[in-house]
C-alpha atoms as a PDB file:
ATOM      1  CA  SER A   1     -67.682 -45.081 -89.336  1.00  0.00           C
ATOM      2  CA  PHE A   2     -67.790 -47.465 -86.390  1.00  0.00           C
ATOM      3  CA  ILE A   3     -70.766 -49.347 -87.831  1.00  0.00           C
ATOM      4  CA  LEU A   4     -69.067 -49.528 -91.238  1.00  0.00           C
ATOM      5  CA  LEU A   5     -65.910 -50.874 -89.598  1.00  0.00           C
ATOM      6  CA  VAL A   6     -67.806 -53.515 -87.628  1.00  0.00           C
ATOM      7  CA  THR A   7     -69.878 -54.543 -90.662  1.00  0.00           C
ATOM      8  CA  ALA A   8     -66.835 -54.786 -92.922  1.00  0.00           C
ATOM      9  CA  THR A   9     -64.987 -56.808 -90.272  1.00  0.00           C
ATOM     10  CA  TYR A  10     -67.905 -59.197 -89.829  1.00  0.00           C
ATOM     11  CA  ILE A  11     -68.310 -59.728 -93.569  1.00  0.00           C
ATOM     12  CA  GLY A  12     -64.578 -60.157 -94.087  1.00  0.00           C
ATOM     13  CA  ILE A  13     -64.107 -62.679 -91.297  1.00  0.00           C
ATOM     14  CA  THR A  14     -67.245 -64.728 -91.967  1.00  0.00           C
ATOM     15  CA  ALA A  15     -67.260 -64.434 -95.766  1.00  0.00           C
ATOM     16  CA  GLN A  16     -66.635 -68.145 -96.280  1.00  0.00           C
ATOM     17  CA  ASP A  17     -69.579 -69.166 -94.100  1.00  0.00           C
ATOM     18  CA  LEU A  18     -71.747 -66.461 -95.640  1.00  0.00           C
ATOM     19  CA  ALA A  19     -70.823 -67.691 -99.135  1.00  0.00           C
ATOM     20  CA  TYR A  20     -71.912 -71.232 -98.280  1.00  0.00           C
ATOM     21  CA  GLY A  21     -75.104 -69.891 -96.707  1.00  0.00           C
ATOM     22  CA  LEU A  22     -75.966 -67.737 -99.715  1.00  0.00           C
ATOM     23  CA  HIS A  23     -75.311 -70.664-102.040  1.00  0.00           C
ATOM     24  CA  ALA A  24     -77.533 -72.945 -99.943  1.00  0.00           C
ATOM     25  CA  ALA A  25     -80.281 -70.309 -99.758  1.00  0.00           C
ATOM     26  CA  SER A  26     -80.367 -69.271-103.416  1.00  0.00           C
ATOM     27  CA  GLY A  27     -78.162 -71.574-105.451  1.00  0.00           C
ATOM     28  CA  LEU A  28     -77.855 -68.901-108.130  1.00  0.00           C
ATOM     29  CA  LEU A  29     -74.065 -68.708-107.987  1.00  0.00           C
ATOM     30  CA  ASP A  30     -71.267 -71.004-106.952  1.00  0.00           C
ATOM     31  CA  PRO A  31     -69.887 -70.358-103.448  1.00  0.00           C
ATOM     32  CA  ILE A  32     -66.621 -68.986-104.918  1.00  0.00           C
ATOM     33  CA  HIS A  33     -68.555 -66.224-106.668  1.00  0.00           C
ATOM     34  CA  TYR A  34     -70.356 -65.295-103.452  1.00  0.00           C
ATOM     35  CA  LEU A  35     -66.984 -65.288-101.691  1.00  0.00           C
ATOM     36  CA  MET A  36     -65.546 -62.905-104.306  1.00  0.00           C
ATOM     37  CA  ILE A  37     -68.517 -60.565-103.956  1.00  0.00           C
ATOM     38  CA  LEU A  38     -68.323 -60.598-100.144  1.00  0.00           C
ATOM     39  CA  THR A  39     -64.552 -60.050-100.140  1.00  0.00           C
ATOM     40  CA  ILE A  40     -64.853 -57.083-102.487  1.00  0.00           C
ATOM     41  CA  LEU A  41     -67.747 -55.727-100.403  1.00  0.00           C
ATOM     42  CA  SER A  42     -65.743 -56.030 -97.187  1.00  0.00           C
ATOM     43  CA  ILE A  43     -62.678 -54.290 -98.630  1.00  0.00           C
ATOM     44  CA  GLY A  44     -64.895 -51.624-100.197  1.00  0.00           C
ATOM     45  CA  LEU A  45     -66.566 -50.919 -96.857  1.00  0.00           C
ATOM     46  CA  PHE A  46     -63.158 -50.543 -95.182  1.00  0.00           C
ATOM     47  CA  VAL A  47     -62.026 -48.092 -97.859  1.00  0.00           C
ATOM     48  CA  PHE A  48     -65.315 -46.180 -97.676  1.00  0.00           C
ATOM     49  CA  SER A  49     -65.002 -46.011 -93.885  1.00  0.00           C
ATOM     50  CA  MET A  50     -61.537 -44.478 -94.143  1.00  0.00           C
ATOM     51  CA  ILE A  51     -62.634 -42.003 -96.817  1.00  0.00           C
ATOM     52  CA  ARG A  52     -65.556 -41.042 -94.601  1.00  0.00           C
ATOM     53  CA  LEU A  53     -63.193 -40.428 -91.678  1.00  0.00           C
ATOM     54  CA  VAL A  54     -61.016 -38.141 -93.829  1.00  0.00           C
ATOM     55  CA  VAL A  55     -64.051 -36.216 -95.087  1.00  0.00           C
ATOM     56  CA  MET A  56     -65.435 -35.833 -91.564  1.00  0.00           C
ATOM     57  CA  ARG A  57     -62.068 -34.516 -90.353  1.00  0.00           C
ATOM     58  CA  TRP A  58     -61.717 -32.209 -93.350  1.00  0.00           C
ATOM     59  CA  LYS A  59     -65.188 -30.726 -92.775  1.00  0.00           C
ATOM     60  CA  GLY A  60     -64.420 -30.272 -89.099  1.00  0.00           C
ATOM     61  CA  SER A  61     -67.132 -32.577 -87.802  1.00  0.00           C
ATOM     62  CA  MET A  62     -64.497 -34.802 -86.156  1.00  0.00           C
ATOM     63  CA  GLU A  63     -61.883 -33.676 -83.674  1.00  0.00           C
ATOM     64  CA  GLU A  64     -58.208 -34.259 -84.445  1.00  0.00           C
ATOM     65  CA  LYS A  65     -57.849 -36.463 -81.366  1.00  0.00           C
ATOM     66  CA  ARG A  66     -60.694 -38.788 -82.411  1.00  0.00           C
ATOM     67  CA  PHE A  67     -59.389 -38.876 -85.981  1.00  0.00           C
ATOM     68  CA  SER A  68     -55.878 -39.755 -84.812  1.00  0.00           C
ATOM     69  CA  ILE A  69     -57.343 -42.724 -82.944  1.00  0.00           C
ATOM     70  CA  TRP A  70     -59.906 -43.966 -85.478  1.00  0.00           C
ATOM     71  CA  MET A  71     -57.768 -43.770 -88.606  1.00  0.00           C
ATOM     72  CA  PRO A  72     -54.955 -46.036 -87.347  1.00  0.00           C
ATOM     73  CA  VAL A  73     -57.528 -48.425 -85.866  1.00  0.00           C
ATOM     74  CA  SER A  74     -59.329 -48.544 -89.228  1.00  0.00           C
ATOM     75  CA  ILE A  75     -56.074 -49.102 -91.111  1.00  0.00           C
ATOM     76  CA  ILE A  76     -54.901 -51.876 -88.787  1.00  0.00           C
ATOM     77  CA  ILE A  77     -58.220 -53.721 -88.597  1.00  0.00           C
ATOM     78  CA  GLY A  78     -59.046 -53.113 -92.259  1.00  0.00           C
ATOM     79  CA  GLY A  79     -55.605 -54.203 -93.387  1.00  0.00           C
ATOM     80  CA  ALA A  80     -55.576 -57.375 -91.291  1.00  0.00           C
ATOM     81  CA  VAL A  81     -59.093 -58.446 -92.256  1.00  0.00           C
ATOM     82  CA  SER A  82     -58.508 -57.620 -95.931  1.00  0.00           C
ATOM     83  CA  VAL A  83     -55.293 -59.676 -95.997  1.00  0.00           C
ATOM     84  CA  TRP A  84     -57.154 -62.553 -94.340  1.00  0.00           C
ATOM     85  CA  SER A  85     -60.076 -62.284 -96.780  1.00  0.00           C
ATOM     86  CA  GLY A  86     -57.694 -62.169 -99.737  1.00  0.00           C
ATOM     87  CA  PHE A  87     -55.819 -65.209 -98.415  1.00  0.00           C
ATOM     88  CA  VAL A  88     -59.057 -67.200 -98.044  1.00  0.00           C
ATOM     89  CA  LEU A  89     -60.161 -66.187-101.541  1.00  0.00           C
ATOM     90  CA  LEU A  90     -56.801 -67.172-103.030  1.00  0.00           C
ATOM     91  CA  MET A  91     -56.933 -70.527-101.267  1.00  0.00           C
ATOM     92  CA  TRP A  92     -60.386 -71.158-102.728  1.00  0.00           C
ATOM     93  CA  MET A  93     -59.082 -70.351-106.200  1.00  0.00           C
ATOM     94  CA  GLY A  94     -56.373 -72.984-105.812  1.00  0.00           C
END
């Protein structure tokens, strides 16, 4: 879950630069479309990370103490980065 959280955070924060880079590298889509894809991917990874934490706790492979730390951290970081990513995407849309 830590790697998912870090990856989702990286994609969410740098999505604009990644969109420009993907457009420059391939030119298949406009940067706005790459930005939409990256934003959705970032949010999806945050959600998947939280679902994975719940499943790990439910199966007993994660202690309650670790879960009670990681879930709030995931919600706070995921929420903040997702709001930021959504704001950047909305600003691009005009």
